[in-house]
Amino acid sequence: MEKRILIVDDCDTTRKLLTYIVRERGYKIFGASNGLEALEVMAGNQVDMVVTDLNMPQMDGLELSRNLRSQDVYKEIPIIMVTTESGEADIKMGMSAGVTTYLTKPFSPQRLLYEIEKLL
């Protein structure tokens, strides 16, 4: 059974790039432009992993991560945060919100795929 990954990023170009990288490995991809939209997608589709940006309108990646961790069905789902925010405080906030892996942009596609495959 193919694994399903939700990619959440308010930048259409970044979302398309991440989708291209991940889809090439045979994963089924869902997309959302912010955390609220991500929750709507997840309400109607089972996903095995979330790859999210940090800074987004309406609901950012931290709020999305906290929301998912508060729901029994998503307590254990892997969450990879991909963001330009590379400060130690940002990383700590991400990890305390329940992020599984924190990657800073720019990143190599190989690193992203390695993290995805390691967690799935």
C-alpha atoms as a PDB file:
ATOM      1  CA  MET A   1       0.000   0.000   0.000  1.00  0.00           C
ATOM      2  CA  GLU A   2       1.416   3.365  -0.978  1.00  0.00           C
ATOM      3  CA  LYS A   3       2.119   5.801   1.824  1.00  0.00           C
ATOM      4  CA  ARG A   4       0.257   9.106   1.829  1.00  0.00           C
ATOM      5  CA  ILE A   5       1.997  12.379   2.654  1.00  0.00           C
ATOM      6  CA  LEU A   6       0.385  15.761   3.245  1.00  0.00           C
ATOM      7  CA  ILE A   7       2.555  18.704   2.176  1.00  0.00           C
ATOM      8  CA  VAL A   8       1.588  22.008   3.813  1.00  0.00           C
ATOM      9  CA  ASP A   9       3.145  25.249   2.598  1.00  0.00           C
ATOM     10  CA  ASP A  10       1.641  28.632   1.747  1.00  0.00           C
ATOM     11  CA  CYS A  11       4.115  29.114  -1.108  1.00  0.00           C
ATOM     12  CA  ASP A  12       2.687  27.407  -4.172  1.00  0.00           C
ATOM     13  CA  THR A  13       6.133  27.022  -5.756  1.00  0.00           C
ATOM     14  CA  THR A  14       7.607  25.353  -2.668  1.00  0.00           C
ATOM     15  CA  ARG A  15       4.590  23.065  -2.334  1.00  0.00           C
ATOM     16  CA  LYS A  16       4.930  22.030  -5.987  1.00  0.00           C
ATOM     17  CA  LEU A  17       8.678  21.429  -5.587  1.00  0.00           C
ATOM     18  CA  LEU A  18       8.198  19.290  -2.469  1.00  0.00           C
ATOM     19  CA  THR A  19       5.388  17.407  -4.195  1.00  0.00           C
ATOM     20  CA  TYR A  20       7.612  16.688  -7.186  1.00  0.00           C
ATOM     21  CA  ILE A  21      10.511  15.455  -5.022  1.00  0.00           C
ATOM     22  CA  VAL A  22       8.347  13.188  -2.884  1.00  0.00           C
ATOM     23  CA  ARG A  23       6.003  11.916  -5.620  1.00  0.00           C
ATOM     24  CA  GLU A  24       9.020  10.681  -7.606  1.00  0.00           C
ATOM     25  CA  ARG A  25       9.550   8.096  -4.836  1.00  0.00           C
ATOM     26  CA  GLY A  26       6.042   6.728  -5.292  1.00  0.00           C
ATOM     27  CA  TYR A  27       4.213   8.406  -2.424  1.00  0.00           C
ATOM     28  CA  LYS A  28       0.638   9.662  -2.797  1.00  0.00           C
ATOM     29  CA  ILE A  29       0.599  13.398  -2.121  1.00  0.00           C
ATOM     30  CA  PHE A  30      -2.028  15.716  -0.717  1.00  0.00           C
ATOM     31  CA  GLY A  31      -1.449  19.472  -0.536  1.00  0.00           C
ATOM     32  CA  ALA A  32      -2.603  22.319   1.668  1.00  0.00           C
ATOM     33  CA  SER A  33      -1.658  25.988   1.858  1.00  0.00           C
ATOM     34  CA  ASN A  34      -1.976  26.392   5.651  1.00  0.00           C
ATOM     35  CA  GLY A  35      -2.736  24.477   8.824  1.00  0.00           C
ATOM     36  CA  LEU A  36      -6.512  24.958   8.664  1.00  0.00           C
ATOM     37  CA  GLU A  37      -6.624  23.613   5.129  1.00  0.00           C
ATOM     38  CA  ALA A  38      -4.388  20.721   6.226  1.00  0.00           C
ATOM     39  CA  LEU A  39      -6.876  19.748   8.939  1.00  0.00           C
ATOM     40  CA  GLU A  40      -9.673  19.803   6.350  1.00  0.00           C
ATOM     41  CA  VAL A  41      -7.669  17.531   4.033  1.00  0.00           C
ATOM     42  CA  MET A  42      -6.915  15.157   6.912  1.00  0.00           C
ATOM     43  CA  ALA A  43     -10.588  15.012   7.897  1.00  0.00           C
ATOM     44  CA  GLY A  44     -11.378  13.431   4.533  1.00  0.00           C
ATOM     45  CA  ASN A  45      -8.190  11.488   3.810  1.00  0.00           C
ATOM     46  CA  GLN A  46      -5.918   9.193   5.753  1.00  0.00           C
ATOM     47  CA  VAL A  47      -2.323  10.411   5.709  1.00  0.00           C
ATOM     48  CA  ASP A  48       0.799   8.699   7.021  1.00  0.00           C
ATOM     49  CA  MET A  49       2.988  11.798   7.395  1.00  0.00           C
ATOM     50  CA  VAL A  50       2.839  15.593   7.364  1.00  0.00           C
ATOM     51  CA  VAL A  51       5.563  17.791   5.858  1.00  0.00           C
ATOM     52  CA  THR A  52       4.867  21.390   6.861  1.00  0.00           C
ATOM     53  CA  ASP A  53       6.283  24.882   6.695  1.00  0.00           C
ATOM     54  CA  LEU A  54       6.475  26.935   9.884  1.00  0.00           C
ATOM     55  CA  ASN A  55       5.248  30.389   8.828  1.00  0.00           C
ATOM     56  CA  MET A  56       1.820  30.323   7.168  1.00  0.00           C
ATOM     57  CA  PRO A  57      -1.333  32.440   7.400  1.00  0.00           C
ATOM     58  CA  GLN A  58      -4.444  31.360   9.337  1.00  0.00           C
ATOM     59  CA  MET A  59      -2.701  28.451  11.115  1.00  0.00           C
ATOM     60  CA  ASP A  60       1.077  28.061  11.160  1.00  0.00           C
ATOM     61  CA  GLY A  61       3.072  24.851  11.371  1.00  0.00           C
ATOM     62  CA  LEU A  62       3.459  25.038  15.146  1.00  0.00           C
ATOM     63  CA  GLU A  63      -0.297  25.323  15.700  1.00  0.00           C
ATOM     64  CA  LEU A  64      -0.895  22.520  13.220  1.00  0.00           C
ATOM     65  CA  SER A  65       1.603  20.283  15.006  1.00  0.00           C
ATOM     66  CA  ARG A  66       0.087  21.008  18.431  1.00  0.00           C
ATOM     67  CA  ASN A  67      -3.391  20.368  17.056  1.00  0.00           C
ATOM     68  CA  LEU A  68      -2.373  17.020  15.572  1.00  0.00           C
ATOM     69  CA  ARG A  69      -0.596  15.925  18.759  1.00  0.00           C
ATOM     70  CA  SER A  70      -3.722  16.712  20.786  1.00  0.00           C
ATOM     71  CA  GLN A  71      -5.776  14.203  18.765  1.00  0.00           C
ATOM     72  CA  ASP A  72      -5.407  10.520  19.606  1.00  0.00           C
ATOM     73  CA  VAL A  73      -5.545   9.484  15.958  1.00  0.00           C
ATOM     74  CA  TYR A  74      -2.544  11.713  15.090  1.00  0.00           C
ATOM     75  CA  LYS A  75      -0.459  11.486  18.284  1.00  0.00           C
ATOM     76  CA  GLU A  76       2.163   9.337  16.578  1.00  0.00           C
ATOM     77  CA  ILE A  77       2.061  10.623  12.978  1.00  0.00           C
ATOM     78  CA  PRO A  78       5.502  11.786  11.796  1.00  0.00           C
ATOM     79  CA  ILE A  79       5.709  15.540  11.233  1.00  0.00           C
ATOM     80  CA  ILE A  80       8.620  17.036   9.304  1.00  0.00           C
ATOM     81  CA  MET A  81       8.955  20.798   9.497  1.00  0.00           C
ATOM     82  CA  VAL A  82      10.737  22.385   6.516  1.00  0.00           C
ATOM     83  CA  THR A  83      11.398  26.086   7.119  1.00  0.00           C
ATOM     84  CA  THR A  84      13.825  28.977   6.701  1.00  0.00           C
ATOM     85  CA  GLU A  85      13.739  29.586  10.472  1.00  0.00           C
ATOM     86  CA  SER A  86      17.030  28.114  11.685  1.00  0.00           C
ATOM     87  CA  GLY A  87      17.469  29.664  15.114  1.00  0.00           C
ATOM     88  CA  GLU A  88      17.878  27.464  18.157  1.00  0.00           C
ATOM     89  CA  ALA A  89      14.713  28.935  19.705  1.00  0.00           C
ATOM     90  CA  ASP A  90      12.746  28.125  16.532  1.00  0.00           C
ATOM     91  CA  ILE A  91      13.962  24.542  16.542  1.00  0.00           C
ATOM     92  CA  LYS A  92      13.097  24.154  20.238  1.00  0.00           C
ATOM     93  CA  MET A  93       9.598  25.564  19.633  1.00  0.00           C
ATOM     94  CA  GLY A  94       9.108  23.129  16.765  1.00  0.00           C
ATOM     95  CA  MET A  95      10.217  20.145  18.772  1.00  0.00           C
ATOM     96  CA  SER A  96       8.094  21.159  21.783  1.00  0.00           C
ATOM     97  CA  ALA A  97       5.080  21.463  19.446  1.00  0.00           C
ATOM     98  CA  GLY A  98       5.536  17.815  18.487  1.00  0.00           C
ATOM     99  CA  VAL A  99       7.587  18.043  15.297  1.00  0.00           C
ATOM    100  CA  THR A 100       9.455  14.795  14.643  1.00  0.00           C
ATOM    101  CA  THR A 101      12.178  16.237  12.379  1.00  0.00           C
ATOM    102  CA  TYR A 102      13.144  19.858  11.752  1.00  0.00           C
ATOM    103  CA  LEU A 103      14.834  20.708   8.419  1.00  0.00           C
ATOM    104  CA  THR A 104      15.974  24.189   7.433  1.00  0.00           C
ATOM    105  CA  LYS A 105      15.837  25.602   3.913  1.00  0.00           C
ATOM    106  CA  PRO A 106      17.744  25.275   1.742  1.00  0.00           C
ATOM    107  CA  PHE A 107      17.848  21.509   2.047  1.00  0.00           C
ATOM    108  CA  SER A 108      18.867  18.753  -0.312  1.00  0.00           C
ATOM    109  CA  PRO A 109      16.128  16.592  -1.816  1.00  0.00           C
ATOM    110  CA  GLN A 110      18.147  13.557  -0.732  1.00  0.00           C
ATOM    111  CA  ARG A 111      18.054  14.693   2.901  1.00  0.00           C
ATOM    112  CA  LEU A 112      14.281  15.169   2.793  1.00  0.00           C
ATOM    113  CA  LEU A 113      13.761  11.752   1.201  1.00  0.00           C
ATOM    114  CA  TYR A 114      16.110  10.156   3.744  1.00  0.00           C
ATOM    115  CA  GLU A 115      14.107  11.617   6.627  1.00  0.00           C
ATOM    116  CA  ILE A 116      10.798  10.556   5.075  1.00  0.00           C
ATOM    117  CA  GLU A 117      11.958   7.009   4.453  1.00  0.00           C
ATOM    118  CA  LYS A 118      13.490   6.764   7.932  1.00  0.00           C
ATOM    119  CA  LEU A 119      10.222   7.813   9.582  1.00  0.00           C
ATOM    120  CA  LEU A 120       7.883   5.741   7.413  1.00  0.00           C
END
